[in-house]
Protein backbone atom coordinates (compact mmCIF):
# COMPACT_ATOMS: atom_id res chain seq x y z
CA MET A 1 0.00 0.00 0.00
CA MET A 2 1.32 3.50 -0.85
CA HIS A 3 1.60 6.02 1.98
CA GLY A 4 2.06 9.76 1.94
CA LEU A 5 0.35 10.30 -1.42
CA PRO A 6 0.29 13.91 -2.65
CA ALA A 7 -2.97 15.84 -2.59
CA THR A 8 -3.52 15.28 -6.31
CA VAL A 9 -4.07 11.54 -5.78
CA GLU A 10 -7.51 10.24 -4.75
CA THR A 11 -8.06 6.66 -3.70
CA HIS A 12 -11.71 6.46 -4.82
CA PRO A 13 -11.91 7.79 -8.40
CA ARG A 14 -15.67 7.25 -8.80
CA ALA A 15 -16.24 10.51 -10.65
CA VAL A 16 -14.03 9.52 -13.59
CA PHE A 17 -14.80 5.82 -13.85
CA GLY A 18 -17.75 6.53 -16.13
CA PRO A 19 -15.65 7.20 -19.28
CA PHE A 20 -13.35 4.28 -18.45
CA ALA A 21 -16.28 1.91 -17.98
CA GLN A 22 -17.90 3.07 -21.23
CA ALA A 23 -14.65 2.54 -23.12
CA PHE A 24 -13.70 -0.87 -21.72
CA LEU A 25 -16.54 -2.54 -19.85
CA PRO A 26 -19.39 -3.84 -22.06
CA SER A 27 -22.80 -4.57 -20.59
CA ASP A 28 -22.02 -8.28 -20.09
CA THR A 29 -18.97 -7.56 -17.89
CA PRO A 30 -19.21 -9.47 -14.56
CA ASP A 31 -20.64 -7.24 -11.83
CA ASP A 32 -17.61 -7.59 -9.56
CA ILE A 33 -15.06 -6.33 -12.12
CA LEU A 34 -15.76 -2.60 -11.78
CA PRO A 35 -15.67 -2.54 -7.94
CA GLU A 36 -12.40 -4.49 -8.00
CA LEU A 37 -10.86 -2.09 -10.51
CA MET A 38 -11.98 0.83 -8.38
CA ALA A 39 -10.35 -0.77 -5.37
CA ILE A 40 -6.93 -0.96 -7.05
CA GLY A 41 -7.18 2.27 -9.06
CA HIS A 42 -6.10 5.77 -8.15
CA LEU A 43 -7.08 9.09 -9.65
CA VAL A 44 -4.16 11.42 -10.34
CA SER A 45 -4.87 15.01 -11.41
CA PRO A 46 -1.64 16.67 -12.53
CA LYS A 47 -1.66 20.32 -13.52
CA ARG A 48 -0.18 21.53 -16.79
CA GLY A 49 3.59 21.13 -16.79
CA SER A 50 3.71 18.92 -13.68
CA ARG A 51 4.69 15.32 -13.26
CA ALA A 52 1.94 12.81 -12.48
CA TYR A 53 2.56 10.81 -9.32
CA ILE A 54 2.83 7.16 -10.36
CA ASP A 55 4.52 4.53 -8.21
CA PRO A 56 7.87 4.00 -10.01
CA GLY A 57 8.45 0.64 -8.37
CA VAL A 58 5.84 -1.35 -10.33
CA ASP A 59 4.54 -1.46 -13.89
CA GLN A 60 1.41 0.66 -14.26
CA MET A 61 -1.54 0.88 -16.66
CA VAL A 62 -2.77 4.46 -16.97
CA TYR A 63 -6.04 5.60 -18.54
CA VAL A 64 -6.22 9.24 -19.66
CA SER A 65 -9.68 10.31 -18.58
CA ARG A 66 -9.14 13.95 -19.49
CA GLY A 67 -6.30 16.06 -20.88
CA ALA A 68 -3.04 15.12 -22.55
CA THR A 69 0.36 13.86 -21.39
CA LYS A 70 3.83 13.03 -22.60
CA LEU A 71 5.66 9.85 -21.57
CA VAL A 72 9.28 10.73 -20.81
CA ALA A 73 12.22 8.32 -20.42
CA THR A 74 15.19 9.51 -18.36
CA ALA A 75 18.69 8.05 -18.74
CA SER A 76 21.84 8.82 -16.75
CA GLU A 77 22.87 12.43 -16.07
CA GLY A 78 19.26 13.56 -16.44
CA ARG A 79 19.10 13.03 -20.20
CA GLU A 80 15.47 12.80 -21.33
CA GLN A 81 13.58 11.54 -24.36
CA ILE A 82 9.89 11.97 -25.09
CA VAL A 83 8.66 8.47 -25.91
CA ALA A 84 5.05 9.26 -26.83
CA PHE A 85 2.17 11.70 -26.51
CA HIS A 86 -1.17 10.54 -25.11
CA PHE A 87 -4.67 12.01 -25.18
CA ALA A 88 -8.08 11.50 -23.58
CA GLY A 89 -9.21 7.89 -24.03
CA ASP A 90 -5.70 6.45 -24.35
CA LEU A 91 -4.50 3.53 -22.25
CA ILE A 92 -0.78 3.74 -21.44
CA SER A 93 1.67 1.12 -20.21
CA VAL A 94 4.24 2.81 -17.96
CA PRO A 95 7.15 0.52 -17.06
CA ALA A 96 8.70 0.41 -13.61
CA ASN A 97 12.10 2.02 -13.28
CA ALA A 98 14.80 -0.24 -14.73
CA GLN A 99 17.38 0.70 -17.37
CA HIS A 100 15.52 4.01 -17.66
CA SER A 101 13.16 5.97 -15.46
CA TYR A 102 9.73 6.71 -16.94
CA SER A 103 7.36 9.51 -16.03
CA LEU A 104 4.11 11.03 -17.28
CA ARG A 105 3.95 14.81 -17.47
CA ALA A 106 0.81 16.77 -18.11
CA LEU A 107 0.68 18.91 -21.26
CA VAL A 108 -2.57 20.43 -19.98
CA ASP A 109 -4.52 19.97 -16.75
CA SER A 110 -5.33 16.25 -16.81
CA GLN A 111 -7.10 13.42 -15.00
CA LEU A 112 -5.53 9.95 -15.04
CA LEU A 113 -6.61 6.60 -13.65
CA THR A 114 -3.65 4.45 -12.62
CA PHE A 115 -3.63 0.70 -11.93
CA PRO A 116 -0.79 -1.66 -10.98
CA THR A 117 -0.43 -3.74 -14.14
CA ARG A 118 -0.23 -7.14 -12.44
CA GLU A 119 -3.43 -6.61 -10.43
CA PHE A 120 -5.14 -4.98 -13.43
CA ILE A 121 -4.50 -7.98 -15.70
CA ALA A 122 -5.38 -10.48 -12.95
CA CYS A 123 -8.74 -8.77 -12.50
CA LEU A 124 -9.50 -8.79 -16.22
CA GLU A 125 -8.66 -12.47 -16.66
CA ARG A 126 -12.25 -13.11 -15.54
CA ALA A 127 -13.54 -10.82 -18.31
CA PRO A 128 -12.01 -11.99 -21.63
CA GLY A 129 -13.94 -9.41 -23.65
CA VAL A 130 -12.46 -6.57 -21.63
CA LEU A 131 -9.00 -8.11 -21.78
CA ARG A 132 -9.22 -8.28 -25.58
CA GLN A 133 -10.02 -4.56 -25.72
CA VAL A 134 -7.02 -3.81 -23.52
CA LEU A 135 -4.81 -5.98 -25.75
CA ASP A 136 -6.08 -4.13 -28.83
CA ARG A 137 -5.10 -0.80 -27.26
CA VAL A 138 -1.66 -2.15 -26.31
CA MET A 139 -1.10 -3.41 -29.85
CA ILE A 140 -2.02 0.00 -31.30
CA ALA A 141 0.53 1.63 -28.99
CA LEU A 142 3.15 -0.95 -30.03
CA HIS A 143 2.53 -0.24 -33.73
CA ARG A 144 2.89 3.51 -33.10
CA SER A 145 6.14 2.91 -31.25
CA ARG A 146 7.53 0.86 -34.14
CA ASP A 147 6.47 3.47 -36.69
CA LYS A 148 8.25 6.12 -34.64
CA ALA A 149 11.41 3.99 -34.45
CA VAL A 150 11.44 3.73 -38.26
CA GLY A 151 11.04 7.49 -38.53
CA LEU A 152 13.87 8.22 -36.12
CA GLY A 153 16.18 5.79 -37.86
CA ARG A 154 15.41 6.23 -41.55
CA LYS A 155 13.41 9.39 -42.31
CA SER A 156 14.46 12.94 -43.10
CA ALA A 157 13.44 15.88 -40.92
CA GLU A 158 10.64 16.81 -43.34
CA GLU A 159 9.34 13.24 -43.41
CA ARG A 160 9.38 13.01 -39.61
CA LEU A 161 7.40 16.22 -39.19
CA ALA A 162 4.93 15.24 -41.92
CA SER A 163 4.46 11.85 -40.24
CA PHE A 164 3.86 13.60 -36.92
CA PHE A 165 1.11 15.79 -38.39
CA VAL A 166 -0.54 12.83 -40.12
CA ALA A 167 -0.54 10.90 -36.83
CA MET A 168 -1.93 13.87 -34.87
CA ALA A 169 -4.66 14.34 -37.50
CA GLU A 170 -5.77 10.73 -36.96
CA ARG A 171 -5.83 11.11 -33.18
CA ILE A 172 -6.98 14.64 -32.36
CA GLY A 173 -7.74 16.30 -35.70
CA ARG A 174 -10.99 18.07 -36.57
CA THR A 175 -11.82 17.56 -40.24
CA GLU A 176 -13.92 20.12 -42.11
CA GLY A 177 -14.24 19.43 -45.80
CA LYS A 178 -10.77 18.72 -47.18
CA VAL A 179 -8.78 20.37 -44.38
CA CYS A 180 -7.93 19.18 -40.88
CA SER A 181 -7.39 21.46 -37.88
CA LEU A 182 -5.13 20.64 -34.94
CA ASP A 183 -4.89 22.30 -31.53
CA LEU A 184 -1.59 20.83 -30.34
CA PRO A 185 -1.14 20.71 -26.55
CA MET A 186 2.61 20.13 -26.80
CA SER A 187 5.25 22.79 -27.42
CA ARG A 188 7.49 22.91 -30.47
CA ARG A 189 10.37 21.93 -28.20
CA ASP A 190 8.39 18.82 -27.21
CA ILE A 191 7.78 18.03 -30.88
CA ALA A 192 11.46 18.44 -31.65
CA ASP A 193 12.47 16.18 -28.76
CA ALA A 194 9.96 13.51 -29.72
CA LEU A 195 11.17 13.52 -33.34
CA GLY A 196 14.88 13.56 -32.52
CA LEU A 197 15.35 17.03 -34.06
CA THR A 198 16.43 20.46 -32.86
CA ILE A 199 13.78 23.14 -32.34
CA GLU A 200 15.50 25.18 -35.07
CA THR A 201 15.08 22.31 -37.53
CA VAL A 202 11.40 21.97 -36.63
CA SER A 203 10.91 25.70 -37.20
CA ARG A 204 12.61 25.52 -40.60
CA GLN A 205 10.52 22.53 -41.67
CA LEU A 206 7.32 24.25 -40.53
CA GLY A 207 8.28 27.20 -42.70
CA ARG A 208 8.93 24.93 -45.67
CA LEU A 209 5.56 23.16 -45.29
CA ARG A 210 3.88 26.57 -45.11
CA GLU A 211 5.68 27.72 -48.27
CA LEU A 212 4.49 24.58 -50.07
CA GLY A 213 0.91 25.40 -49.12
CA LEU A 214 0.51 22.20 -47.11
CA ILE A 215 -0.15 23.77 -43.70
CA GLU A 216 -1.08 27.01 -41.98
CA THR A 217 -0.08 27.82 -38.41
CA SER A 218 -1.67 30.17 -35.89
CA GLY A 219 -0.26 31.07 -32.50
CA ARG A 220 1.58 28.54 -30.38
CA SER A 221 -0.64 25.54 -30.99
CA GLY A 222 -2.86 25.95 -34.04
CA VAL A 223 -2.04 24.01 -37.21
CA CYS A 224 -4.32 23.56 -40.21
CA LEU A 225 -3.47 20.76 -42.65
CA LEU A 226 -4.55 22.24 -45.97
CA GLN A 227 -3.65 19.24 -48.11
CA PRO A 228 -3.67 16.13 -45.88
CA LEU A 229 -3.10 13.69 -48.77
CA ALA A 230 -0.13 15.63 -50.09
CA LEU A 231 1.26 15.88 -46.57
CA GLU A 232 0.90 12.11 -46.12
CA ALA A 233 2.79 11.59 -49.39
CA ARG A 234 5.68 13.57 -47.89
CA ALA A 235 5.62 11.36 -44.80
CA ALA A 236 7.10 8.52 -46.88
CA HIS A 237 4.60 5.95 -45.70
CA TYR A 238 4.83 2.57 -47.39
CA ARG A 239 2.04 1.82 -49.83
CA LEU A 240 1.17 -1.55 -51.34
CA ALA A 241 1.10 -1.62 -55.13
CA GLY A 242 -2.47 -1.43 -56.46
């Protein structure tokens, strides 16, 4: 049992279990599953820019009930790498500290449900339908991680940024006609770190995409994808021959 939890952690997250239950617990879920999940879950409510309190000693499953976060890996001498961005509705696997230390940091004010992974999976073994949904979410995250690894290892700066915008459009974009609008919660420095680029390179590539008429930007966070298909072509995604 954890002691001395900060004020942002609540041990009975009833208020935010509604979205989680709707997303993962179908009507035929055994009646005892939800109370058991509530017994092992904690609500964490980090403010923008702060680190979410998650027990670093055990693997955790984290559901983003509201807001957005970045998963950060820390190596020796405080060197950090943004591993992934997550948004409302995402289920995140956060490893216990081992070769690297992992943390979730809020990009905006957020609400997270955290569960010790071992107890979480043990509970869901009695509900195969729920477990399949969890596995589907984990597989999606794995595919995204592999796609990012390919980008970091083999793609140019322009291709990485184009891939990033295509991925964000799929996850948080608002499509109107042929254009897609994004309100990005992360900073350009965060984008640069996640893509393995400098912030200067990201700024140059943004300017180039604007000059090509592929995007428009407004303020710190607004991006409009004017030609999503052309942008995807610049992302160098593999396409099967028709």
